[in-house]
Amino acid sequence: MTWGASSGAGRPDPTRRFHDDLVGLDPDDPEARAFAEHLDRMERVRPMFTVEGELSGVRDFAESANRVGGLQRWAAWLLAVLVLLGAGYVVYEVLEFLVGTWLI
């Protein structure tokens, strides 16, 4: 297999973009492929001020949290729970304000 081969999943192979950076590495080596995927994530350009861009950022965070273990995984889990609790609190306050305004 060469660095230019596609992954076959309909997505372009990230190693194709980084052929010059990966010269001399074995294309079948899992660590080399993981490094190419890392380079792809680091240099990926996506729209950040759209819903799709923000959701892809959340997906990247979740995938990163699943790759790590130990204390970092628990910290990511805690961060996600705190964000959800904060969002729930804001929704509750808005609903309380709306119901209180309509009943008075």
C-alpha atoms as a PDB file:
ATOM      1  CA  MET A   1       0.000   0.000   0.000  1.00  0.00           C
ATOM      2  CA  THR A   2       1.257   3.490  -0.759  1.00  0.00           C
ATOM      3  CA  TRP A   3       0.609   6.753   1.031  1.00  0.00           C
ATOM      4  CA  GLY A   4      -1.625   7.914  -1.812  1.00  0.00           C
ATOM      5  CA  ALA A   5      -4.163   5.078  -1.557  1.00  0.00           C
ATOM      6  CA  SER A   6      -7.686   5.946  -0.500  1.00  0.00           C
ATOM      7  CA  SER A   7      -9.223   4.518   2.649  1.00  0.00           C
ATOM      8  CA  GLY A   8     -12.206   3.095   0.740  1.00  0.00           C
ATOM      9  CA  ALA A   9     -14.802   4.615   3.081  1.00  0.00           C
ATOM     10  CA  GLY A  10     -15.729   7.419   0.694  1.00  0.00           C
ATOM     11  CA  ARG A  11     -13.505   9.861   2.557  1.00  0.00           C
ATOM     12  CA  PRO A  12     -10.159  10.926   1.166  1.00  0.00           C
ATOM     13  CA  ASP A  13      -7.193   9.360   2.879  1.00  0.00           C
ATOM     14  CA  PRO A  14      -5.524  11.935   5.191  1.00  0.00           C
ATOM     15  CA  THR A  15      -2.136  10.494   4.328  1.00  0.00           C
ATOM     16  CA  ARG A  16      -2.505  11.716   0.745  1.00  0.00           C
ATOM     17  CA  ARG A  17      -2.338  15.328   1.895  1.00  0.00           C
ATOM     18  CA  PHE A  18       0.802  14.722   3.939  1.00  0.00           C
ATOM     19  CA  HIS A  19       2.798  12.588   1.522  1.00  0.00           C
ATOM     20  CA  ASP A  20       5.850  14.865   1.823  1.00  0.00           C
ATOM     21  CA  ASP A  21       5.715  14.803   5.632  1.00  0.00           C
ATOM     22  CA  LEU A  22       5.547  11.013   5.776  1.00  0.00           C
ATOM     23  CA  VAL A  23       8.392  10.143   3.394  1.00  0.00           C
ATOM     24  CA  GLY A  24      10.403   7.236   4.757  1.00  0.00           C
ATOM     25  CA  LEU A  25       7.640   5.889   6.993  1.00  0.00           C
ATOM     26  CA  ASP A  26       5.916   2.562   6.430  1.00  0.00           C
ATOM     27  CA  PRO A  27       2.388   3.233   5.099  1.00  0.00           C
ATOM     28  CA  ASP A  28       1.072   0.084   6.798  1.00  0.00           C
ATOM     29  CA  ASP A  29       2.397   1.127  10.227  1.00  0.00           C
ATOM     30  CA  PRO A  30      -0.546   1.980  12.533  1.00  0.00           C
ATOM     31  CA  GLU A  31       1.479   4.697  14.281  1.00  0.00           C
ATOM     32  CA  ALA A  32       2.317   6.384  10.974  1.00  0.00           C
ATOM     33  CA  ARG A  33      -1.353   6.292   9.950  1.00  0.00           C
ATOM     34  CA  ALA A  34      -2.373   7.705  13.338  1.00  0.00           C
ATOM     35  CA  PHE A  35       0.160  10.503  12.850  1.00  0.00           C
ATOM     36  CA  ALA A  36      -1.300  11.271   9.415  1.00  0.00           C
ATOM     37  CA  GLU A  37      -4.805  11.382  10.924  1.00  0.00           C
ATOM     38  CA  HIS A  38      -3.506  13.707  13.637  1.00  0.00           C
ATOM     39  CA  LEU A  39      -2.047  16.036  10.996  1.00  0.00           C
ATOM     40  CA  ASP A  40      -5.380  15.961   9.172  1.00  0.00           C
ATOM     41  CA  ARG A  41      -7.279  16.973  12.320  1.00  0.00           C
ATOM     42  CA  MET A  42      -4.810  19.769  13.068  1.00  0.00           C
ATOM     43  CA  GLU A  43      -4.982  21.321   9.596  1.00  0.00           C
ATOM     44  CA  ARG A  44      -8.665  20.762   8.823  1.00  0.00           C
ATOM     45  CA  VAL A  45     -10.476  23.970   7.950  1.00  0.00           C
ATOM     46  CA  ARG A  46     -14.164  24.148   8.732  1.00  0.00           C
ATOM     47  CA  PRO A  47     -16.698  26.936   9.148  1.00  0.00           C
ATOM     48  CA  MET A  48     -16.689  27.856  12.828  1.00  0.00           C
ATOM     49  CA  PHE A  49     -19.580  30.331  12.866  1.00  0.00           C
ATOM     50  CA  THR A  50     -22.228  27.880  11.710  1.00  0.00           C
ATOM     51  CA  VAL A  51     -24.160  25.176  13.512  1.00  0.00           C
ATOM     52  CA  GLU A  52     -22.379  22.501  11.474  1.00  0.00           C
ATOM     53  CA  GLY A  53     -18.972  23.916  12.392  1.00  0.00           C
ATOM     54  CA  GLU A  54     -19.765  24.031  16.091  1.00  0.00           C
ATOM     55  CA  LEU A  55     -21.184  20.497  16.061  1.00  0.00           C
ATOM     56  CA  SER A  56     -18.079  19.193  14.319  1.00  0.00           C
ATOM     57  CA  GLY A  57     -16.033  20.823  17.094  1.00  0.00           C
ATOM     58  CA  VAL A  58     -18.129  18.991  19.679  1.00  0.00           C
ATOM     59  CA  ARG A  59     -17.618  15.746  17.756  1.00  0.00           C
ATOM     60  CA  ASP A  60     -13.848  16.304  17.728  1.00  0.00           C
ATOM     61  CA  PHE A  61     -13.931  16.930  21.488  1.00  0.00           C
ATOM     62  CA  ALA A  62     -15.895  13.718  22.085  1.00  0.00           C
ATOM     63  CA  GLU A  63     -13.563  11.670  19.882  1.00  0.00           C
ATOM     64  CA  SER A  64     -10.529  13.102  21.661  1.00  0.00           C
ATOM     65  CA  ALA A  65     -12.063  12.339  25.056  1.00  0.00           C
ATOM     66  CA  ASN A  66     -12.657   8.748  23.965  1.00  0.00           C
ATOM     67  CA  ARG A  67      -9.036   8.355  22.829  1.00  0.00           C
ATOM     68  CA  VAL A  68      -7.506   9.434  26.134  1.00  0.00           C
ATOM     69  CA  GLY A  69      -7.870   7.642  29.421  1.00  0.00           C
ATOM     70  CA  GLY A  70      -7.508   8.176  33.118  1.00  0.00           C
ATOM     71  CA  LEU A  71      -7.791  11.627  34.620  1.00  0.00           C
ATOM     72  CA  GLN A  72      -8.120  13.424  31.278  1.00  0.00           C
ATOM     73  CA  ARG A  73     -11.127  11.306  30.336  1.00  0.00           C
ATOM     74  CA  TRP A  74     -12.821  12.060  33.664  1.00  0.00           C
ATOM     75  CA  ALA A  75     -12.063  15.768  33.270  1.00  0.00           C
ATOM     76  CA  ALA A  76     -13.660  15.759  29.808  1.00  0.00           C
ATOM     77  CA  TRP A  77     -16.680  13.933  31.201  1.00  0.00           C
ATOM     78  CA  LEU A  78     -16.983  16.454  34.052  1.00  0.00           C
ATOM     79  CA  LEU A  79     -16.721  19.359  31.616  1.00  0.00           C
ATOM     80  CA  ALA A  80     -19.492  17.912  29.459  1.00  0.00           C
ATOM     81  CA  VAL A  81     -21.741  17.386  32.498  1.00  0.00           C
ATOM     82  CA  LEU A  82     -21.123  20.943  33.738  1.00  0.00           C
ATOM     83  CA  VAL A  83     -21.971  22.376  30.315  1.00  0.00           C
ATOM     84  CA  LEU A  84     -25.214  20.380  30.239  1.00  0.00           C
ATOM     85  CA  LEU A  85     -26.112  21.467  33.771  1.00  0.00           C
ATOM     86  CA  GLY A  86     -25.458  25.095  32.845  1.00  0.00           C
ATOM     87  CA  ALA A  87     -27.619  24.823  29.744  1.00  0.00           C
ATOM     88  CA  GLY A  88     -30.383  23.180  31.780  1.00  0.00           C
ATOM     89  CA  TYR A  89     -30.209  25.979  34.357  1.00  0.00           C
ATOM     90  CA  VAL A  90     -30.496  28.661  31.666  1.00  0.00           C
ATOM     91  CA  VAL A  91     -33.486  26.910  30.060  1.00  0.00           C
ATOM     92  CA  TYR A  92     -35.168  26.599  33.486  1.00  0.00           C
ATOM     93  CA  GLU A  93     -34.636  30.300  34.248  1.00  0.00           C
ATOM     94  CA  VAL A  94     -36.003  31.359  30.860  1.00  0.00           C
ATOM     95  CA  LEU A  95     -39.078  29.174  31.282  1.00  0.00           C
ATOM     96  CA  GLU A  96     -39.583  30.486  34.819  1.00  0.00           C
ATOM     97  CA  PHE A  97     -39.369  34.074  33.547  1.00  0.00           C
ATOM     98  CA  LEU A  98     -41.812  33.414  30.688  1.00  0.00           C
ATOM     99  CA  VAL A  99     -44.370  31.653  32.885  1.00  0.00           C
ATOM    100  CA  GLY A 100     -44.035  34.319  35.599  1.00  0.00           C
ATOM    101  CA  THR A 101     -44.506  37.100  33.040  1.00  0.00           C
ATOM    102  CA  TRP A 102     -47.592  35.551  31.475  1.00  0.00           C
ATOM    103  CA  LEU A 103     -49.329  34.791  34.778  1.00  0.00           C
ATOM    104  CA  ILE A 104     -48.899  38.245  36.295  1.00  0.00           C
END
